[in-house]
Amino acid sequence: MPEGDSLHRAARRLHALVGRRVEVEAPHPRAAALGLAGRLDGRVLESVEAVGKNLLLAFEGGLVLRSHLRMSGRWQVRRRGSKGQTGLPWLVLRTVEHEAILWNGPVLELTGRALRRLGPDILGDPPDLERMVENLRNEHPGREIGDALLDQRLVAGIGNLWRSEALWHAGISPWRRLGDVSDTEFEDVLAEAARLMRASLDGGVAEPAVPAVAGRLEGRGLPHRTALWTGSRAATGRPRKRAVYRRAGRPCPRCGGRIRSRGQGDDNRTAYWCPGCQRGEVPPEA
């Protein structure tokens, strides 16, 4: 599933159409049934913003299109008339010079109601860590932190990849109960998620670790890894190197222990962690 950093990259690409009057088509029958093309065609695209896992495209006249990509959606921006992927796109926006094409976009709506249910964006500038911690603290104390980090009502933008990596970098097990996690530990995990996702968005090496996080890890005898990857595949031609995500059975790059994986939460999203250096209880029946 595309995560917050992917949505911010898509928003940057769509900025090529901002300030231009757009032609709008909805070739896919499900998108056509929504009547979006008729309401948006001929309007100026005024802004594009990523909020959590949503893209908000604001058009003149006060209309805002919300796009959520779910598991396989993708926005493509190219020169108008150029050849590329073939098939039946959900939505096409065209200016004189560019066209933006939405592939496999199952959630499209002209409303802002769902956004009021979203928590603060982890890629906010700066991220509202205090409000995120408050949201997490107000959840049931028996809920596991790895599950709670994926709840977009509490923190918007974090997906499975970055919750796994942020928890590892902060040295906290995804199975820790919220009632057993201190506010400082919440802040550590959230700060690491923001740091790593911002680096991914910018396509380069992560900024130095938050000093307090590194200091607490060193106090436990655990070295802090600033980053285990050097950029995006697009920027370097190499895939990103990750600490635990999709590395089950391999040695932990920090302590050498065996990385584990297990489904977590009602949606059974796979959690990845190192029992050797991520402090906390183990999952039931693990």
C-alpha atoms as a PDB file:
ATOM      1  CA  MET A   1       0.000   0.000   0.000  1.00  0.00           C
ATOM      2  CA  PRO A   2       1.384   3.476  -0.853  1.00  0.00           C
ATOM      3  CA  GLU A   3       2.489   5.272   2.327  1.00  0.00           C
ATOM      4  CA  GLY A   4       2.677   8.946   3.209  1.00  0.00           C
ATOM      5  CA  ASP A   5       6.021   9.578   1.527  1.00  0.00           C
ATOM      6  CA  SER A   6       4.736   8.044  -1.735  1.00  0.00           C
ATOM      7  CA  LEU A   7       1.691  10.318  -1.652  1.00  0.00           C
ATOM      8  CA  HIS A   8       3.866  13.388  -1.125  1.00  0.00           C
ATOM      9  CA  ARG A   9       5.950  12.394  -4.162  1.00  0.00           C
ATOM     10  CA  ALA A  10       2.766  12.029  -6.216  1.00  0.00           C
ATOM     11  CA  ALA A  11       1.645  15.490  -5.078  1.00  0.00           C
ATOM     12  CA  ARG A  12       4.949  16.940  -6.257  1.00  0.00           C
ATOM     13  CA  ARG A  13       4.455  15.388  -9.695  1.00  0.00           C
ATOM     14  CA  LEU A  14       0.902  16.718  -9.941  1.00  0.00           C
ATOM     15  CA  HIS A  15       2.110  20.251  -9.254  1.00  0.00           C
ATOM     16  CA  ALA A  16       2.936  20.447 -12.971  1.00  0.00           C
ATOM     17  CA  LEU A  17      -0.818  20.920 -13.564  1.00  0.00           C
ATOM     18  CA  VAL A  18      -1.476  23.445 -10.783  1.00  0.00           C
ATOM     19  CA  GLY A  19      -2.674  26.843 -11.980  1.00  0.00           C
ATOM     20  CA  ARG A  20      -3.850  25.413 -15.307  1.00  0.00           C
ATOM     21  CA  ARG A  21      -7.333  24.813 -16.646  1.00  0.00           C
ATOM     22  CA  VAL A  22      -7.824  21.064 -17.056  1.00  0.00           C
ATOM     23  CA  GLU A  23      -9.807  18.772 -19.269  1.00  0.00           C
ATOM     24  CA  VAL A  24     -11.163  15.855 -17.255  1.00  0.00           C
ATOM     25  CA  GLU A  25     -12.133  12.389 -18.437  1.00  0.00           C
ATOM     26  CA  ALA A  26     -13.225   9.331 -16.463  1.00  0.00           C
ATOM     27  CA  PRO A  27     -12.696   6.338 -18.808  1.00  0.00           C
ATOM     28  CA  HIS A  28     -13.278   3.666 -16.137  1.00  0.00           C
ATOM     29  CA  PRO A  29     -16.987   2.824 -15.739  1.00  0.00           C
ATOM     30  CA  ARG A  30     -16.848   2.974 -11.934  1.00  0.00           C
ATOM     31  CA  ALA A  31     -15.258   6.428 -12.040  1.00  0.00           C
ATOM     32  CA  ALA A  32     -17.655   7.576 -14.766  1.00  0.00           C
ATOM     33  CA  ALA A  33     -20.589   6.574 -12.568  1.00  0.00           C
ATOM     34  CA  LEU A  34     -19.450   9.087  -9.942  1.00  0.00           C
ATOM     35  CA  GLY A  35     -20.018  11.997 -12.344  1.00  0.00           C
ATOM     36  CA  LEU A  36     -16.673  13.581 -11.505  1.00  0.00           C
ATOM     37  CA  ALA A  37     -15.644  14.487 -15.044  1.00  0.00           C
ATOM     38  CA  GLY A  38     -18.683  16.631 -15.680  1.00  0.00           C
ATOM     39  CA  ARG A  39     -18.232  18.586 -12.453  1.00  0.00           C
ATOM     40  CA  LEU A  40     -14.480  19.153 -12.804  1.00  0.00           C
ATOM     41  CA  ASP A  41     -13.952  19.525 -16.564  1.00  0.00           C
ATOM     42  CA  GLY A  42     -12.827  23.014 -17.560  1.00  0.00           C
ATOM     43  CA  ARG A  43     -11.955  24.166 -14.041  1.00  0.00           C
ATOM     44  CA  VAL A  44      -8.557  25.417 -12.883  1.00  0.00           C
ATOM     45  CA  LEU A  45      -6.625  23.053 -10.613  1.00  0.00           C
ATOM     46  CA  GLU A  46      -5.669  25.389  -7.776  1.00  0.00           C
ATOM     47  CA  SER A  47      -3.613  23.153  -5.498  1.00  0.00           C
ATOM     48  CA  VAL A  48      -2.530  19.584  -4.727  1.00  0.00           C
ATOM     49  CA  GLU A  49      -1.821  18.451  -1.179  1.00  0.00           C
ATOM     50  CA  ALA A  50      -0.920  15.130   0.415  1.00  0.00           C
ATOM     51  CA  VAL A  51      -2.587  14.523   3.777  1.00  0.00           C
ATOM     52  CA  GLY A  52      -1.703  11.183   5.305  1.00  0.00           C
ATOM     53  CA  LYS A  53      -2.520   8.599   2.637  1.00  0.00           C
ATOM     54  CA  ASN A  54      -4.827  10.943   0.737  1.00  0.00           C
ATOM     55  CA  LEU A  55      -4.276  13.319  -2.160  1.00  0.00           C
ATOM     56  CA  LEU A  56      -6.447  16.450  -2.165  1.00  0.00           C
ATOM     57  CA  LEU A  57      -6.853  18.194  -5.517  1.00  0.00           C
ATOM     58  CA  ALA A  58      -8.550  21.584  -5.082  1.00  0.00           C
ATOM     59  CA  PHE A  59     -10.345  23.071  -8.088  1.00  0.00           C
ATOM     60  CA  GLU A  60     -11.780  26.523  -8.605  1.00  0.00           C
ATOM     61  CA  GLY A  61     -15.265  26.913  -7.275  1.00  0.00           C
ATOM     62  CA  GLY A  62     -14.445  25.228  -3.974  1.00  0.00           C
ATOM     63  CA  LEU A  63     -14.467  21.644  -5.252  1.00  0.00           C
ATOM     64  CA  VAL A  64     -11.938  19.269  -3.654  1.00  0.00           C
ATOM     65  CA  LEU A  65     -11.247  15.823  -5.102  1.00  0.00           C
ATOM     66  CA  ARG A  66      -9.990  13.233  -2.601  1.00  0.00           C
ATOM     67  CA  SER A  67      -7.939  10.377  -4.038  1.00  0.00           C
ATOM     68  CA  HIS A  68      -6.939   7.376  -1.910  1.00  0.00           C
ATOM     69  CA  LEU A  69      -4.781   4.809  -3.702  1.00  0.00           C
ATOM     70  CA  ARG A  70      -5.496   1.786  -1.487  1.00  0.00           C
ATOM     71  CA  MET A  71      -3.188  -1.121  -2.392  1.00  0.00           C
ATOM     72  CA  SER A  72      -2.379  -0.593  -6.070  1.00  0.00           C
ATOM     73  CA  GLY A  73      -3.396   2.901  -7.175  1.00  0.00           C
ATOM     74  CA  ARG A  74      -0.890   5.175  -8.905  1.00  0.00           C
ATOM     75  CA  TRP A  75      -0.824   8.688 -10.363  1.00  0.00           C
ATOM     76  CA  GLN A  76       1.297   9.110 -13.490  1.00  0.00           C
ATOM     77  CA  VAL A  77       2.232  12.538 -14.888  1.00  0.00           C
ATOM     78  CA  ARG A  78       3.666  12.821 -18.393  1.00  0.00           C
ATOM     79  CA  ARG A  79       3.839  15.143 -21.391  1.00  0.00           C
ATOM     80  CA  ARG A  80       0.492  15.362 -23.137  1.00  0.00           C
ATOM     81  CA  GLY A  81       0.171  12.841 -25.934  1.00  0.00           C
ATOM     82  CA  SER A  82       3.220  10.793 -24.941  1.00  0.00           C
ATOM     83  CA  LYS A  83       2.947   7.023 -24.952  1.00  0.00           C
ATOM     84  CA  GLY A  84       3.115   4.970 -21.781  1.00  0.00           C
ATOM     85  CA  GLN A  85       1.078   2.409 -19.887  1.00  0.00           C
ATOM     86  CA  THR A  86      -1.965   1.144 -21.752  1.00  0.00           C
ATOM     87  CA  GLY A  87      -5.278   0.166 -20.259  1.00  0.00           C
ATOM     88  CA  LEU A  88      -8.353   1.840 -18.840  1.00  0.00           C
ATOM     89  CA  PRO A  89      -7.433   4.580 -16.341  1.00  0.00           C
ATOM     90  CA  TRP A  90      -9.818   5.776 -13.687  1.00  0.00           C
ATOM     91  CA  LEU A  91      -9.273   9.478 -14.282  1.00  0.00           C
ATOM     92  CA  VAL A  92      -7.340  11.663 -16.710  1.00  0.00           C
ATOM     93  CA  LEU A  93      -6.538  15.361 -16.166  1.00  0.00           C
ATOM     94  CA  ARG A  94      -5.086  17.249 -19.149  1.00  0.00           C
ATOM     95  CA  THR A  95      -3.570  20.680 -19.577  1.00  0.00           C
ATOM     96  CA  VAL A  96      -2.013  22.085 -22.729  1.00  0.00           C
ATOM     97  CA  GLU A  97       1.365  20.541 -21.822  1.00  0.00           C
ATOM     98  CA  HIS A  98       0.774  17.705 -19.366  1.00  0.00           C
ATOM     99  CA  GLU A  99      -1.616  14.929 -18.480  1.00  0.00           C
ATOM    100  CA  ALA A 100      -2.093  13.220 -15.130  1.00  0.00           C
ATOM    101  CA  ILE A 101      -3.455   9.691 -15.208  1.00  0.00           C
ATOM    102  CA  LEU A 102      -4.859   7.761 -12.270  1.00  0.00           C
ATOM    103  CA  TRP A 103      -4.477   3.992 -12.546  1.00  0.00           C
ATOM    104  CA  ASN A 104      -6.367   1.605 -10.253  1.00  0.00           C
ATOM    105  CA  GLY A 105      -7.791   4.403  -8.129  1.00  0.00           C
ATOM    106  CA  PRO A 106     -10.648   2.847  -6.154  1.00  0.00           C
ATOM    107  CA  VAL A 107     -11.423   5.826  -3.879  1.00  0.00           C
ATOM    108  CA  LEU A 108     -12.425   9.120  -5.503  1.00  0.00           C
ATOM    109  CA  GLU A 109     -14.841  11.588  -3.981  1.00  0.00           C
ATOM    110  CA  LEU A 110     -15.681  15.275  -3.943  1.00  0.00           C
ATOM    111  CA  THR A 111     -15.895  15.715  -0.196  1.00  0.00           C
ATOM    112  CA  GLY A 112     -13.743  16.520   2.796  1.00  0.00           C
ATOM    113  CA  ARG A 113     -15.774  14.622   5.372  1.00  0.00           C
ATOM    114  CA  ALA A 114     -13.384  11.679   5.690  1.00  0.00           C
ATOM    115  CA  LEU A 115     -10.421  13.978   6.300  1.00  0.00           C
ATOM    116  CA  ARG A 116     -11.878  15.220   9.555  1.00  0.00           C
ATOM    117  CA  ARG A 117     -11.381  11.718  10.895  1.00  0.00           C
ATOM    118  CA  LEU A 118      -7.655  11.707  10.108  1.00  0.00           C
ATOM    119  CA  GLY A 119      -4.956  12.271  12.693  1.00  0.00           C
ATOM    120  CA  PRO A 120      -2.069  14.714  12.189  1.00  0.00           C
ATOM    121  CA  ASP A 121       0.186  14.005   9.210  1.00  0.00           C
ATOM    122  CA  ILE A 122       3.521  12.374  10.102  1.00  0.00           C
ATOM    123  CA  LEU A 123       5.087  14.416   7.268  1.00  0.00           C
ATOM    124  CA  GLY A 124       3.710  17.712   8.517  1.00  0.00           C
ATOM    125  CA  ASP A 125       6.252  20.533   8.680  1.00  0.00           C
ATOM    126  CA  PRO A 126       6.827  20.134  11.538  1.00  0.00           C
ATOM    127  CA  PRO A 127       4.856  17.024  12.565  1.00  0.00           C
ATOM    128  CA  ASP A 128       2.543  17.615  15.525  1.00  0.00           C
ATOM    129  CA  LEU A 129       4.133  15.012  17.799  1.00  0.00           C
ATOM    130  CA  GLU A 130       2.340  16.272  20.889  1.00  0.00           C
ATOM    131  CA  ARG A 131      -1.094  15.697  19.365  1.00  0.00           C
ATOM    132  CA  MET A 132      -0.048  12.294  17.994  1.00  0.00           C
ATOM    133  CA  VAL A 133       1.110  11.187  21.439  1.00  0.00           C
ATOM    134  CA  GLU A 134      -2.168  12.429  22.918  1.00  0.00           C
ATOM    135  CA  ASN A 135      -4.137  10.404  20.357  1.00  0.00           C
ATOM    136  CA  LEU A 136      -2.146   7.261  21.126  1.00  0.00           C
ATOM    137  CA  ARG A 137      -2.467   7.801  24.867  1.00  0.00           C
ATOM    138  CA  ASN A 138      -6.258   8.078  24.556  1.00  0.00           C
ATOM    139  CA  GLU A 139      -6.526   4.624  22.946  1.00  0.00           C
ATOM    140  CA  HIS A 140      -7.213   1.483  24.990  1.00  0.00           C
ATOM    141  CA  PRO A 141      -4.050   0.767  27.027  1.00  0.00           C
ATOM    142  CA  GLY A 142      -4.130  -2.894  25.978  1.00  0.00           C
ATOM    143  CA  ARG A 143      -3.779  -2.103  22.280  1.00  0.00           C
ATOM    144  CA  GLU A 144      -0.376  -2.927  20.763  1.00  0.00           C
ATOM    145  CA  ILE A 145       1.715  -0.018  19.525  1.00  0.00           C
ATOM    146  CA  GLY A 146       2.442  -1.674  16.170  1.00  0.00           C
ATOM    147  CA  ASP A 147      -1.286  -1.918  15.488  1.00  0.00           C
ATOM    148  CA  ALA A 148      -2.039   1.610  16.709  1.00  0.00           C
ATOM    149  CA  LEU A 149       0.592   3.221  14.454  1.00  0.00           C
ATOM    150  CA  LEU A 150      -1.357   2.022  11.396  1.00  0.00           C
ATOM    151  CA  ASP A 151      -4.584   3.651  12.605  1.00  0.00           C
ATOM    152  CA  GLN A 152      -4.961   6.731  10.399  1.00  0.00           C
ATOM    153  CA  ARG A 153      -7.319   8.327  12.942  1.00  0.00           C
ATOM    154  CA  LEU A 154      -4.378   8.589  15.343  1.00  0.00           C
ATOM    155  CA  VAL A 155      -1.434   9.332  13.026  1.00  0.00           C
ATOM    156  CA  ALA A 156      -1.908   9.858   9.296  1.00  0.00           C
ATOM    157  CA  GLY A 157       0.584   8.577   6.745  1.00  0.00           C
ATOM    158  CA  ILE A 158       2.402   5.671   8.407  1.00  0.00           C
ATOM    159  CA  GLY A 159       2.036   2.291   6.685  1.00  0.00           C
ATOM    160  CA  ASN A 160       3.448  -1.146   7.319  1.00  0.00           C
ATOM    161  CA  LEU A 161       6.933  -0.458   5.971  1.00  0.00           C
ATOM    162  CA  TRP A 162       7.623   2.635   8.052  1.00  0.00           C
ATOM    163  CA  ARG A 163       5.963   1.436  11.256  1.00  0.00           C
ATOM    164  CA  SER A 164       8.309  -1.588  11.145  1.00  0.00           C
ATOM    165  CA  GLU A 165      11.402   0.490  10.449  1.00  0.00           C
ATOM    166  CA  ALA A 166      10.560   3.280  12.921  1.00  0.00           C
ATOM    167  CA  LEU A 167       9.926   0.838  15.768  1.00  0.00           C
ATOM    168  CA  TRP A 168      13.242  -0.898  15.051  1.00  0.00           C
ATOM    169  CA  HIS A 169      15.171   2.378  14.931  1.00  0.00           C
ATOM    170  CA  ALA A 170      13.599   3.390  18.257  1.00  0.00           C
ATOM    171  CA  GLY A 171      14.303  -0.039  19.776  1.00  0.00           C
ATOM    172  CA  ILE A 172      10.665  -0.741  20.680  1.00  0.00           C
ATOM    173  CA  SER A 173       8.747  -3.958  20.030  1.00  0.00           C
ATOM    174  CA  PRO A 174       5.539  -3.688  17.965  1.00  0.00           C
ATOM    175  CA  TRP A 175       3.900  -5.889  20.605  1.00  0.00           C
ATOM    176  CA  ARG A 176       4.301  -3.422  23.481  1.00  0.00           C
ATOM    177  CA  ARG A 177       0.949  -2.418  24.963  1.00  0.00           C
ATOM    178  CA  LEU A 178       0.175   1.306  24.754  1.00  0.00           C
ATOM    179  CA  GLY A 179      -0.262   1.426  28.519  1.00  0.00           C
ATOM    180  CA  ASP A 180       3.339   0.207  28.929  1.00  0.00           C
ATOM    181  CA  VAL A 181       4.836   2.780  26.538  1.00  0.00           C
ATOM    182  CA  SER A 182       6.007   6.104  27.952  1.00  0.00           C
ATOM    183  CA  ASP A 183       5.312   9.436  26.257  1.00  0.00           C
ATOM    184  CA  THR A 184       9.049   9.705  25.586  1.00  0.00           C
ATOM    185  CA  GLU A 185       9.023   6.351  23.802  1.00  0.00           C
ATOM    186  CA  PHE A 186       6.004   7.407  21.741  1.00  0.00           C
ATOM    187  CA  GLU A 187       7.900  10.526  20.713  1.00  0.00           C
ATOM    188  CA  ASP A 188      10.975   8.458  19.814  1.00  0.00           C
ATOM    189  CA  VAL A 189       9.015   6.195  17.468  1.00  0.00           C
ATOM    190  CA  LEU A 190       7.156   9.080  15.847  1.00  0.00           C
ATOM    191  CA  ALA A 191      10.319  11.164  15.444  1.00  0.00           C
ATOM    192  CA  GLU A 192      12.070   8.233  13.765  1.00  0.00           C
ATOM    193  CA  ALA A 193       9.105   7.653  11.439  1.00  0.00           C
ATOM    194  CA  ALA A 194       9.108  11.323  10.443  1.00  0.00           C
ATOM    195  CA  ARG A 195      12.883  11.338   9.929  1.00  0.00           C
ATOM    196  CA  LEU A 196      12.965   8.193   7.789  1.00  0.00           C
ATOM    197  CA  MET A 197       9.898   9.075   5.730  1.00  0.00           C
ATOM    198  CA  ARG A 198      11.157  12.600   5.072  1.00  0.00           C
ATOM    199  CA  ALA A 199      14.447  11.160   3.816  1.00  0.00           C
ATOM    200  CA  SER A 200      12.559   8.735   1.571  1.00  0.00           C
ATOM    201  CA  LEU A 201      10.474  11.595   0.206  1.00  0.00           C
ATOM    202  CA  ASP A 202      13.576  13.638  -0.553  1.00  0.00           C
ATOM    203  CA  GLY A 203      15.358  10.643  -2.126  1.00  0.00           C
ATOM    204  CA  GLY A 204      18.547  10.880  -0.115  1.00  0.00           C
ATOM    205  CA  VAL A 205      20.335   9.815   3.055  1.00  0.00           C
ATOM    206  CA  ALA A 206      18.373  10.230   6.262  1.00  0.00           C
ATOM    207  CA  GLU A 207      19.196  13.153   8.507  1.00  0.00           C
ATOM    208  CA  PRO A 208      21.222  12.350  11.638  1.00  0.00           C
ATOM    209  CA  ALA A 209      19.234  10.570  14.315  1.00  0.00           C
ATOM    210  CA  VAL A 210      17.323  12.544  16.883  1.00  0.00           C
ATOM    211  CA  PRO A 211      20.031  12.914  19.597  1.00  0.00           C
ATOM    212  CA  ALA A 212      17.711  11.907  22.433  1.00  0.00           C
ATOM    213  CA  VAL A 213      16.721   8.698  20.638  1.00  0.00           C
ATOM    214  CA  ALA A 214      20.330   7.765  19.911  1.00  0.00           C
ATOM    215  CA  GLY A 215      21.292   8.533  23.499  1.00  0.00           C
ATOM    216  CA  ARG A 216      18.603   6.313  24.964  1.00  0.00           C
ATOM    217  CA  LEU A 217      19.586   3.426  22.694  1.00  0.00           C
ATOM    218  CA  GLU A 218      23.249   3.802  23.577  1.00  0.00           C
ATOM    219  CA  GLY A 219      22.264   3.767  27.239  1.00  0.00           C
ATOM    220  CA  ARG A 220      20.862   0.288  26.641  1.00  0.00           C
ATOM    221  CA  GLY A 221      24.067  -0.779  24.905  1.00  0.00           C
ATOM    222  CA  LEU A 222      22.479  -0.635  21.430  1.00  0.00           C
ATOM    223  CA  PRO A 223      24.149   1.263  18.592  1.00  0.00           C
ATOM    224  CA  HIS A 224      21.842   3.555  16.636  1.00  0.00           C
ATOM    225  CA  ARG A 225      21.820   3.224  12.853  1.00  0.00           C
ATOM    226  CA  THR A 226      21.256   6.597  11.201  1.00  0.00           C
ATOM    227  CA  ALA A 227      20.052   4.943   8.009  1.00  0.00           C
ATOM    228  CA  LEU A 228      20.416   1.573   6.381  1.00  0.00           C
ATOM    229  CA  TRP A 229      19.543   2.862   2.929  1.00  0.00           C
ATOM    230  CA  THR A 230      20.968   5.614   0.756  1.00  0.00           C
ATOM    231  CA  GLY A 231      18.045   6.731  -1.351  1.00  0.00           C
ATOM    232  CA  SER A 232      15.229   5.617  -3.571  1.00  0.00           C
ATOM    233  CA  ARG A 233      15.600   3.196  -6.445  1.00  0.00           C
ATOM    234  CA  ALA A 234      14.711   6.027  -8.821  1.00  0.00           C
ATOM    235  CA  ALA A 235      17.528   8.195  -7.493  1.00  0.00           C
ATOM    236  CA  THR A 236      20.277   5.592  -7.233  1.00  0.00           C
ATOM    237  CA  GLY A 237      19.230   2.638  -9.365  1.00  0.00           C
ATOM    238  CA  ARG A 238      19.462   0.454  -6.228  1.00  0.00           C
ATOM    239  CA  PRO A 239      16.681  -0.681  -3.937  1.00  0.00           C
ATOM    240  CA  ARG A 240      16.586   0.774  -0.444  1.00  0.00           C
ATOM    241  CA  LYS A 241      18.247  -1.272   2.280  1.00  0.00           C
ATOM    242  CA  ARG A 242      15.930  -1.829   5.221  1.00  0.00           C
ATOM    243  CA  ALA A 243      16.545  -2.996   8.750  1.00  0.00           C
ATOM    244  CA  VAL A 244      13.650  -5.434   9.335  1.00  0.00           C
ATOM    245  CA  TYR A 245      10.869  -4.943   6.800  1.00  0.00           C
ATOM    246  CA  ARG A 246      10.473  -8.119   4.727  1.00  0.00           C
ATOM    247  CA  ARG A 247      13.702  -9.502   6.227  1.00  0.00           C
ATOM    248  CA  ALA A 248      12.208 -12.257   8.404  1.00  0.00           C
ATOM    249  CA  GLY A 249      14.737 -14.973   9.232  1.00  0.00           C
ATOM    250  CA  ARG A 250      17.749 -12.777   8.488  1.00  0.00           C
ATOM    251  CA  PRO A 251      20.166 -11.392  11.093  1.00  0.00           C
ATOM    252  CA  CYS A 252      19.361  -8.076  12.713  1.00  0.00           C
ATOM    253  CA  PRO A 253      21.853  -5.422  11.540  1.00  0.00           C
ATOM    254  CA  ARG A 254      22.105  -4.095  15.103  1.00  0.00           C
ATOM    255  CA  CYS A 255      22.395  -7.136  17.389  1.00  0.00           C
ATOM    256  CA  GLY A 256      22.628 -10.131  15.051  1.00  0.00           C
ATOM    257  CA  GLY A 257      19.451 -11.765  16.356  1.00  0.00           C
ATOM    258  CA  ARG A 258      16.959 -13.406  14.027  1.00  0.00           C
ATOM    259  CA  ILE A 259      14.297 -11.065  12.635  1.00  0.00           C
ATOM    260  CA  ARG A 260      10.736 -12.313  13.170  1.00  0.00           C
ATOM    261  CA  SER A 261       7.432 -11.666  11.393  1.00  0.00           C
ATOM    262  CA  ARG A 262       3.831 -12.229  12.408  1.00  0.00           C
ATOM    263  CA  GLY A 263       0.370 -10.913  11.541  1.00  0.00           C
ATOM    264  CA  GLN A 264      -0.916  -8.209  13.877  1.00  0.00           C
ATOM    265  CA  GLY A 265      -4.222  -6.492  14.523  1.00  0.00           C
ATOM    266  CA  ASP A 266      -7.686  -7.022  13.067  1.00  0.00           C
ATOM    267  CA  ASP A 267      -6.325  -6.575   9.530  1.00  0.00           C
ATOM    268  CA  ASN A 268      -3.497  -9.076  10.192  1.00  0.00           C
ATOM    269  CA  ARG A 269      -0.849  -6.749   8.739  1.00  0.00           C
ATOM    270  CA  THR A 270       2.589  -8.380   9.005  1.00  0.00           C
ATOM    271  CA  ALA A 271       4.795  -6.958  11.754  1.00  0.00           C
ATOM    272  CA  TYR A 272       8.585  -7.328  11.456  1.00  0.00           C
ATOM    273  CA  TRP A 273      10.833  -7.008  14.501  1.00  0.00           C
ATOM    274  CA  CYS A 274      13.958  -8.239  16.247  1.00  0.00           C
ATOM    275  CA  PRO A 275      13.181  -9.834  19.637  1.00  0.00           C
ATOM    276  CA  GLY A 276      16.816  -9.362  20.642  1.00  0.00           C
ATOM    277  CA  CYS A 277      16.961  -5.576  20.660  1.00  0.00           C
ATOM    278  CA  GLN A 278      13.400  -4.270  20.436  1.00  0.00           C
ATOM    279  CA  ARG A 279      12.249  -3.982  24.002  1.00  0.00           C
ATOM    280  CA  GLY A 280       8.846  -5.476  24.816  1.00  0.00           C
ATOM    281  CA  GLU A 281       6.741  -8.593  25.098  1.00  0.00           C
ATOM    282  CA  VAL A 282       6.486 -11.240  22.390  1.00  0.00           C
ATOM    283  CA  PRO A 283       3.221 -11.843  20.494  1.00  0.00           C
ATOM    284  CA  PRO A 284       0.781 -14.480  21.745  1.00  0.00           C
ATOM    285  CA  GLU A 285       1.802 -18.013  20.751  1.00  0.00           C
ATOM    286  CA  ALA A 286       5.062 -16.704  19.241  1.00  0.00           C
END
